[in-house]
Amino acid sequence: MENNINTLPFEEALKELEALKIKMESGNIPLDDALTLFERGNALKSHCEKILANAKMKVEKIVENKDGSIETVAF
């Protein structure tokens, strides 16, 4: 388990998040460990969301229409 989440590629972060979910759902871990895993899971989730948001921005652009309205369109 890599400590610096910000350097994990999306696929690795998602894989670790799924593994944490399974481990926590087993119910066979002490509460303190479960809380630690929960915190790491939240950080992994945020990291994955950030990566996805950045990817979305790369494939969309904001366009101002002639009437002044703004819309997001795919490249």
PDB file of N, CA and C in Angstrom:
ATOM      1  N   MET A   1       0.846  -1.177   0.000  1.00  0.00           N
ATOM      2  CA  MET A   1       0.000   0.000   0.000  1.00  0.00           C
ATOM      3  C   MET A   1       0.891   1.240   0.000  1.00  0.00           C
ATOM      4  N   GLU A   2       0.790   2.038  -1.048  1.00  0.00           N
ATOM      5  CA  GLU A   2       1.611   3.243  -1.166  1.00  0.00           C
ATOM      6  C   GLU A   2       1.017   4.353  -0.311  1.00  0.00           C
ATOM      7  N   ASN A   3       1.875   5.043   0.448  1.00  0.00           N
ATOM      8  CA  ASN A   3       1.393   6.090   1.339  1.00  0.00           C
ATOM      9  C   ASN A   3       0.980   7.348   0.599  1.00  0.00           C
ATOM     10  N   ASN A   4       1.726   7.752  -0.424  1.00  0.00           N
ATOM     11  CA  ASN A   4       1.417   8.981  -1.128  1.00  0.00           C
ATOM     12  C   ASN A   4       0.383   8.710  -2.220  1.00  0.00           C
ATOM     13  N   ILE A   5      -0.857   8.950  -1.884  1.00  0.00           N
ATOM     14  CA  ILE A   5      -1.968   8.682  -2.785  1.00  0.00           C
ATOM     15  C   ILE A   5      -1.873   9.532  -4.044  1.00  0.00           C
ATOM     16  N   ASN A   6      -1.369  10.749  -3.919  1.00  0.00           N
ATOM     17  CA  ASN A   6      -1.351  11.673  -5.053  1.00  0.00           C
ATOM     18  C   ASN A   6      -0.484  11.210  -6.215  1.00  0.00           C
ATOM     19  N   THR A   7       0.368  10.219  -5.998  1.00  0.00           N
ATOM     20  CA  THR A   7       1.216   9.722  -7.084  1.00  0.00           C
ATOM     21  C   THR A   7       0.650   8.458  -7.732  1.00  0.00           C
ATOM     22  N   LEU A   8      -0.435   7.935  -7.183  1.00  0.00           N
ATOM     23  CA  LEU A   8      -1.017   6.706  -7.729  1.00  0.00           C
ATOM     24  C   LEU A   8      -1.756   6.974  -9.028  1.00  0.00           C
ATOM     25  N   PRO A   9      -1.549   6.132 -10.035  1.00  0.00           N
ATOM     26  CA  PRO A   9      -2.375   6.209 -11.231  1.00  0.00           C
ATOM     27  C   PRO A   9      -3.823   5.843 -10.870  1.00  0.00           C
ATOM     28  N   PHE A  10      -4.765   6.283 -11.671  1.00  0.00           N
ATOM     29  CA  PHE A  10      -6.180   6.051 -11.404  1.00  0.00           C
ATOM     30  C   PHE A  10      -6.478   4.579 -11.166  1.00  0.00           C
ATOM     31  N   GLU A  11      -5.983   3.720 -12.041  1.00  0.00           N
ATOM     32  CA  GLU A  11      -6.304   2.291 -11.955  1.00  0.00           C
ATOM     33  C   GLU A  11      -5.819   1.672 -10.646  1.00  0.00           C
ATOM     34  N   GLU A  12      -4.633   2.059 -10.198  1.00  0.00           N
ATOM     35  CA  GLU A  12      -4.112   1.526  -8.932  1.00  0.00           C
ATOM     36  C   GLU A  12      -4.907   2.049  -7.744  1.00  0.00           C
ATOM     37  N   ALA A  13      -5.255   3.326  -7.781  1.00  0.00           N
ATOM     38  CA  ALA A  13      -6.033   3.916  -6.684  1.00  0.00           C
ATOM     39  C   ALA A  13      -7.398   3.247  -6.590  1.00  0.00           C
ATOM     40  N   LEU A  14      -8.037   3.031  -7.728  1.00  0.00           N
ATOM     41  CA  LEU A  14      -9.348   2.385  -7.734  1.00  0.00           C
ATOM     42  C   LEU A  14      -9.257   0.945  -7.240  1.00  0.00           C
ATOM     43  N   LYS A  15      -8.219   0.240  -7.663  1.00  0.00           N
ATOM     44  CA  LYS A  15      -8.021  -1.151  -7.222  1.00  0.00           C
ATOM     45  C   LYS A  15      -7.834  -1.214  -5.706  1.00  0.00           C
ATOM     46  N   GLU A  16      -7.028  -0.286  -5.167  1.00  0.00           N
ATOM     47  CA  GLU A  16      -6.817  -0.270  -3.715  1.00  0.00           C
ATOM     48  C   GLU A  16      -8.114   0.084  -2.990  1.00  0.00           C
ATOM     49  N   LEU A  17      -8.866   1.031  -3.534  1.00  0.00           N
ATOM     50  CA  LEU A  17     -10.135   1.421  -2.922  1.00  0.00           C
ATOM     51  C   LEU A  17     -11.094   0.236  -2.864  1.00  0.00           C
ATOM     52  N   GLU A  18     -11.161  -0.520  -3.937  1.00  0.00           N
ATOM     53  CA  GLU A  18     -12.017  -1.708  -3.955  1.00  0.00           C
ATOM     54  C   GLU A  18     -11.560  -2.745  -2.932  1.00  0.00           C
ATOM     55  N   ALA A  19     -10.241  -2.914  -2.790  1.00  0.00           N
ATOM     56  CA  ALA A  19      -9.708  -3.868  -1.810  1.00  0.00           C
ATOM     57  C   ALA A  19     -10.037  -3.427  -0.382  1.00  0.00           C
ATOM     58  N   LEU A  20      -9.934  -2.118  -0.127  1.00  0.00           N
ATOM     59  CA  LEU A  20     -10.278  -1.603   1.205  1.00  0.00           C
ATOM     60  C   LEU A  20     -11.743  -1.840   1.516  1.00  0.00           C
ATOM     61  N   LYS A  21     -12.598  -1.640   0.534  1.00  0.00           N
ATOM     62  CA  LYS A  21     -14.039  -1.847   0.715  1.00  0.00           C
ATOM     63  C   LYS A  21     -14.325  -3.288   1.117  1.00  0.00           C
ATOM     64  N   ILE A  22     -13.707  -4.207   0.394  1.00  0.00           N
ATOM     65  CA  ILE A  22     -13.912  -5.633   0.687  1.00  0.00           C
ATOM     66  C   ILE A  22     -13.415  -5.964   2.091  1.00  0.00           C
ATOM     67  N   LYS A  23     -12.253  -5.444   2.435  1.00  0.00           N
ATOM     68  CA  LYS A  23     -11.677  -5.718   3.760  1.00  0.00           C
ATOM     69  C   LYS A  23     -12.573  -5.172   4.864  1.00  0.00           C
ATOM     70  N   MET A  24     -13.096  -3.956   4.667  1.00  0.00           N
ATOM     71  CA  MET A  24     -13.949  -3.350   5.688  1.00  0.00           C
ATOM     72  C   MET A  24     -15.290  -4.066   5.799  1.00  0.00           C
ATOM     73  N   GLU A  25     -15.812  -4.520   4.675  1.00  0.00           N
ATOM     74  CA  GLU A  25     -17.094  -5.227   4.685  1.00  0.00           C
ATOM     75  C   GLU A  25     -17.010  -6.580   5.369  1.00  0.00           C
ATOM     76  N   SER A  26     -15.807  -7.127   5.480  1.00  0.00           N
ATOM     77  CA  SER A  26     -15.650  -8.432   6.118  1.00  0.00           C
ATOM     78  C   SER A  26     -16.003  -8.362   7.600  1.00  0.00           C
ATOM     79  N   GLY A  27     -15.813  -7.186   8.186  1.00  0.00           N
ATOM     80  CA  GLY A  27     -16.140  -7.023   9.599  1.00  0.00           C
ATOM     81  C   GLY A  27     -15.143  -7.664  10.538  1.00  0.00           C
ATOM     82  N   ASN A  28     -14.027  -8.120  10.018  1.00  0.00           N
ATOM     83  CA  ASN A  28     -13.042  -8.830  10.835  1.00  0.00           C
ATOM     84  C   ASN A  28     -11.848  -7.959  11.211  1.00  0.00           C
ATOM     85  N   ILE A  29     -12.045  -6.662  11.314  1.00  0.00           N
ATOM     86  CA  ILE A  29     -10.935  -5.777  11.678  1.00  0.00           C
ATOM     87  C   ILE A  29     -11.338  -4.914  12.874  1.00  0.00           C
ATOM     88  N   PRO A  30     -10.367  -4.601  13.719  1.00  0.00           N
ATOM     89  CA  PRO A  30     -10.657  -3.752  14.877  1.00  0.00           C
ATOM     90  C   PRO A  30     -11.121  -2.359  14.444  1.00  0.00           C
ATOM     91  N   LEU A  31     -11.866  -1.715  15.310  1.00  0.00           N
ATOM     92  CA  LEU A  31     -12.440  -0.414  15.001  1.00  0.00           C
ATOM     93  C   LEU A  31     -11.379   0.613  14.603  1.00  0.00           C
ATOM     94  N   ASP A  32     -10.278   0.681  15.342  1.00  0.00           N
ATOM     95  CA  ASP A  32      -9.223   1.652  15.008  1.00  0.00           C
ATOM     96  C   ASP A  32      -8.674   1.419  13.605  1.00  0.00           C
ATOM     97  N   ASP A  33      -8.479   0.164  13.248  1.00  0.00           N
ATOM     98  CA  ASP A  33      -7.988  -0.165  11.904  1.00  0.00           C
ATOM     99  C   ASP A  33      -9.037   0.189  10.849  1.00  0.00           C
ATOM    100  N   ALA A  34     -10.294  -0.067  11.175  1.00  0.00           N
ATOM    101  CA  ALA A  34     -11.376   0.261  10.247  1.00  0.00           C
ATOM    102  C   ALA A  34     -11.433   1.761   9.992  1.00  0.00           C
ATOM    103  N   LEU A  35     -11.244   2.552  11.036  1.00  0.00           N
ATOM    104  CA  LEU A  35     -11.250   4.008  10.868  1.00  0.00           C
ATOM    105  C   LEU A  35     -10.081   4.471  10.005  1.00  0.00           C
ATOM    106  N   THR A  36      -8.926   3.871  10.211  1.00  0.00           N
ATOM    107  CA  THR A  36      -7.755   4.205   9.392  1.00  0.00           C
ATOM    108  C   THR A  36      -8.014   3.858   7.928  1.00  0.00           C
ATOM    109  N   LEU A  37      -8.588   2.686   7.693  1.00  0.00           N
ATOM    110  CA  LEU A  37      -8.907   2.274   6.326  1.00  0.00           C
ATOM    111  C   LEU A  37      -9.963   3.185   5.712  1.00  0.00           C
ATOM    112  N   PHE A  38     -10.938   3.581   6.526  1.00  0.00           N
ATOM    113  CA  PHE A  38     -11.991   4.478   6.047  1.00  0.00           C
ATOM    114  C   PHE A  38     -11.399   5.817   5.606  1.00  0.00           C
ATOM    115  N   GLU A  39     -10.482   6.354   6.399  1.00  0.00           N
ATOM    116  CA  GLU A  39      -9.840   7.625   6.053  1.00  0.00           C
ATOM    117  C   GLU A  39      -9.031   7.491   4.762  1.00  0.00           C
ATOM    118  N   ARG A  40      -8.305   6.403   4.627  1.00  0.00           N
ATOM    119  CA  ARG A  40      -7.533   6.191   3.398  1.00  0.00           C
ATOM    120  C   ARG A  40      -8.480   6.014   2.206  1.00  0.00           C
ATOM    121  N   GLY A  41      -9.561   5.307   2.428  1.00  0.00           N
ATOM    122  CA  GLY A  41     -10.548   5.127   1.368  1.00  0.00           C
ATOM    123  C   GLY A  41     -11.123   6.449   0.896  1.00  0.00           C
ATOM    124  N   ASN A  42     -11.409   7.342   1.833  1.00  0.00           N
ATOM    125  CA  ASN A  42     -11.912   8.671   1.465  1.00  0.00           C
ATOM    126  C   ASN A  42     -10.878   9.433   0.649  1.00  0.00           C
ATOM    127  N   ALA A  43      -9.618   9.335   1.049  1.00  0.00           N
ATOM    128  CA  ALA A  43      -8.552  10.016   0.311  1.00  0.00           C
ATOM    129  C   ALA A  43      -8.405   9.425  -1.088  1.00  0.00           C
ATOM    130  N   LEU A  44      -8.493   8.107  -1.199  1.00  0.00           N
ATOM    131  CA  LEU A  44      -8.415   7.454  -2.511  1.00  0.00           C
ATOM    132  C   LEU A  44      -9.592   7.866  -3.398  1.00  0.00           C
ATOM    133  N   LYS A  45     -10.775   7.935  -2.808  1.00  0.00           N
ATOM    134  CA  LYS A  45     -11.971   8.349  -3.553  1.00  0.00           C
ATOM    135  C   LYS A  45     -11.798   9.766  -4.084  1.00  0.00           C
ATOM    136  N   SER A  46     -11.320  10.662  -3.241  1.00  0.00           N
ATOM    137  CA  SER A  46     -11.100  12.046  -3.658  1.00  0.00           C
ATOM    138  C   SER A  46     -10.064  12.120  -4.781  1.00  0.00           C
ATOM    139  N   HIS A  47      -9.019  11.340  -4.653  1.00  0.00           N
ATOM    140  CA  HIS A  47      -7.968  11.308  -5.673  1.00  0.00           C
ATOM    141  C   HIS A  47      -8.537  10.825  -7.008  1.00  0.00           C
ATOM    142  N   CYS A  48      -9.327   9.769  -6.989  1.00  0.00           N
ATOM    143  CA  CYS A  48      -9.931   9.248  -8.214  1.00  0.00           C
ATOM    144  C   CYS A  48     -10.874  10.278  -8.835  1.00  0.00           C
ATOM    145  N   GLU A  49     -11.669  10.945  -8.000  1.00  0.00           N
ATOM    146  CA  GLU A  49     -12.584  11.967  -8.505  1.00  0.00           C
ATOM    147  C   GLU A  49     -11.822  13.115  -9.156  1.00  0.00           C
ATOM    148  N   LYS A  50     -10.691  13.495  -8.561  1.00  0.00           N
ATOM    149  CA  LYS A  50      -9.875  14.568  -9.117  1.00  0.00           C
ATOM    150  C   LYS A  50      -9.322  14.175 -10.486  1.00  0.00           C
ATOM    151  N   ILE A  51      -8.829  12.953 -10.590  1.00  0.00           N
ATOM    152  CA  ILE A  51      -8.295  12.475 -11.862  1.00  0.00           C
ATOM    153  C   ILE A  51      -9.400  12.467 -12.929  1.00  0.00           C
ATOM    154  N   LEU A  52     -10.581  11.986 -12.559  1.00  0.00           N
ATOM    155  CA  LEU A  52     -11.687  11.940 -13.512  1.00  0.00           C
ATOM    156  C   LEU A  52     -12.124  13.338 -13.930  1.00  0.00           C
ATOM    157  N   ALA A  53     -12.162  14.270 -12.989  1.00  0.00           N
ATOM    158  CA  ALA A  53     -12.539  15.651 -13.308  1.00  0.00           C
ATOM    159  C   ALA A  53     -11.528  16.269 -14.274  1.00  0.00           C
ATOM    160  N   ASN A  54     -10.239  16.004 -14.046  1.00  0.00           N
ATOM    161  CA  ASN A  54      -9.206  16.529 -14.944  1.00  0.00           C
ATOM    162  C   ASN A  54      -9.338  15.918 -16.338  1.00  0.00           C
ATOM    163  N   ALA A  55      -9.641  14.643 -16.391  1.00  0.00           N
ATOM    164  CA  ALA A  55      -9.827  13.988 -17.685  1.00  0.00           C
ATOM    165  C   ALA A  55     -11.032  14.568 -18.416  1.00  0.00           C
ATOM    166  N   LYS A  56     -12.093  14.831 -17.677  1.00  0.00           N
ATOM    167  CA  LYS A  56     -13.300  15.406 -18.278  1.00  0.00           C
ATOM    168  C   LYS A  56     -13.006  16.791 -18.853  1.00  0.00           C
ATOM    169  N   MET A  57     -12.231  17.583 -18.131  1.00  0.00           N
ATOM    170  CA  MET A  57     -11.886  18.916 -18.612  1.00  0.00           C
ATOM    171  C   MET A  57     -11.072  18.854 -19.891  1.00  0.00           C
ATOM    172  N   LYS A  58     -10.287  17.811 -20.047  1.00  0.00           N
ATOM    173  CA  LYS A  58      -9.469  17.675 -21.249  1.00  0.00           C
ATOM    174  C   LYS A  58     -10.293  17.341 -22.485  1.00  0.00           C
ATOM    175  N   VAL A  59     -11.453  16.745 -22.299  1.00  0.00           N
ATOM    176  CA  VAL A  59     -12.268  16.361 -23.438  1.00  0.00           C
ATOM    177  C   VAL A  59     -13.485  17.264 -23.628  1.00  0.00           C
ATOM    178  N   GLU A  60     -13.582  18.333 -22.867  1.00  0.00           N
ATOM    179  CA  GLU A  60     -14.662  19.295 -23.012  1.00  0.00           C
ATOM    180  C   GLU A  60     -14.086  20.691 -23.116  1.00  0.00           C
ATOM    181  N   LYS A  61     -14.836  21.573 -23.712  1.00  0.00           N
ATOM    182  CA  LYS A  61     -14.441  22.972 -23.723  1.00  0.00           C
ATOM    183  C   LYS A  61     -15.690  23.815 -23.510  1.00  0.00           C
ATOM    184  N   ILE A  62     -15.493  24.990 -22.964  1.00  0.00           N
ATOM    185  CA  ILE A  62     -16.601  25.898 -22.706  1.00  0.00           C
ATOM    186  C   ILE A  62     -16.697  26.852 -23.893  1.00  0.00           C
ATOM    187  N   VAL A  63     -17.914  26.996 -24.421  1.00  0.00           N
ATOM    188  CA  VAL A  63     -18.141  27.823 -25.593  1.00  0.00           C
ATOM    189  C   VAL A  63     -19.201  28.864 -25.255  1.00  0.00           C
ATOM    190  N   GLU A  64     -18.927  30.106 -25.654  1.00  0.00           N
ATOM    191  CA  GLU A  64     -19.932  31.155 -25.493  1.00  0.00           C
ATOM    192  C   GLU A  64     -20.695  31.274 -26.805  1.00  0.00           C
ATOM    193  N   ASN A  65     -22.004  31.122 -26.729  1.00  0.00           N
ATOM    194  CA  ASN A  65     -22.856  31.218 -27.909  1.00  0.00           C
ATOM    195  C   ASN A  65     -23.073  32.674 -28.294  1.00  0.00           C
ATOM    196  N   LYS A  66     -23.603  32.907 -29.498  1.00  0.00           N
ATOM    197  CA  LYS A  66     -23.843  34.261 -29.985  1.00  0.00           C
ATOM    198  C   LYS A  66     -24.782  35.050 -29.090  1.00  0.00           C
ATOM    199  N   ASP A  67     -25.723  34.338 -28.432  1.00  0.00           N
ATOM    200  CA  ASP A  67     -26.665  35.020 -27.546  1.00  0.00           C
ATOM    201  C   ASP A  67     -26.099  35.279 -26.148  1.00  0.00           C
ATOM    202  N   GLY A  68     -24.829  34.925 -25.947  1.00  0.00           N
ATOM    203  CA  GLY A  68     -24.187  35.166 -24.652  1.00  0.00           C
ATOM    204  C   GLY A  68     -24.276  34.006 -23.687  1.00  0.00           C
ATOM    205  N   SER A  69     -25.066  33.010 -24.021  1.00  0.00           N
ATOM    206  CA  SER A  69     -25.163  31.834 -23.144  1.00  0.00           C
ATOM    207  C   SER A  69     -23.887  31.003 -23.269  1.00  0.00           C
ATOM    208  N   ILE A  70     -23.642  30.228 -22.255  1.00  0.00           N
ATOM    209  CA  ILE A  70     -22.425  29.407 -22.223  1.00  0.00           C
ATOM    210  C   ILE A  70     -22.829  27.951 -22.171  1.00  0.00           C
ATOM    211  N   GLU A  71     -22.098  27.129 -22.914  1.00  0.00           N
ATOM    212  CA  GLU A  71     -22.336  25.690 -22.870  1.00  0.00           C
ATOM    213  C   GLU A  71     -21.011  24.944 -22.919  1.00  0.00           C
ATOM    214  N   THR A  72     -21.048  23.720 -22.475  1.00  0.00           N
ATOM    215  CA  THR A  72     -19.877  22.858 -22.526  1.00  0.00           C
ATOM    216  C   THR A  72     -20.073  21.872 -23.667  1.00  0.00           C
ATOM    217  N   VAL A  73     -19.071  21.781 -24.516  1.00  0.00           N
ATOM    218  CA  VAL A  73     -19.163  20.864 -25.652  1.00  0.00           C
ATOM    219  C   VAL A  73     -17.926  19.993 -25.705  1.00  0.00           C
ATOM    220  N   ALA A  74     -18.068  18.845 -26.317  1.00  0.00           N
ATOM    221  CA  ALA A  74     -16.926  17.953 -26.494  1.00  0.00           C
ATOM    222  C   ALA A  74     -16.015  18.498 -27.574  1.00  0.00           C
ATOM    223  N   PHE A  75     -14.715  18.245 -27.444  1.00  0.00           N
ATOM    224  CA  PHE A  75     -13.769  18.651 -28.472  1.00  0.00           C
ATOM    225  C   PHE A  75     -14.048  17.914 -29.752  1.00  0.00           C
TER     226      PHE A  75
END
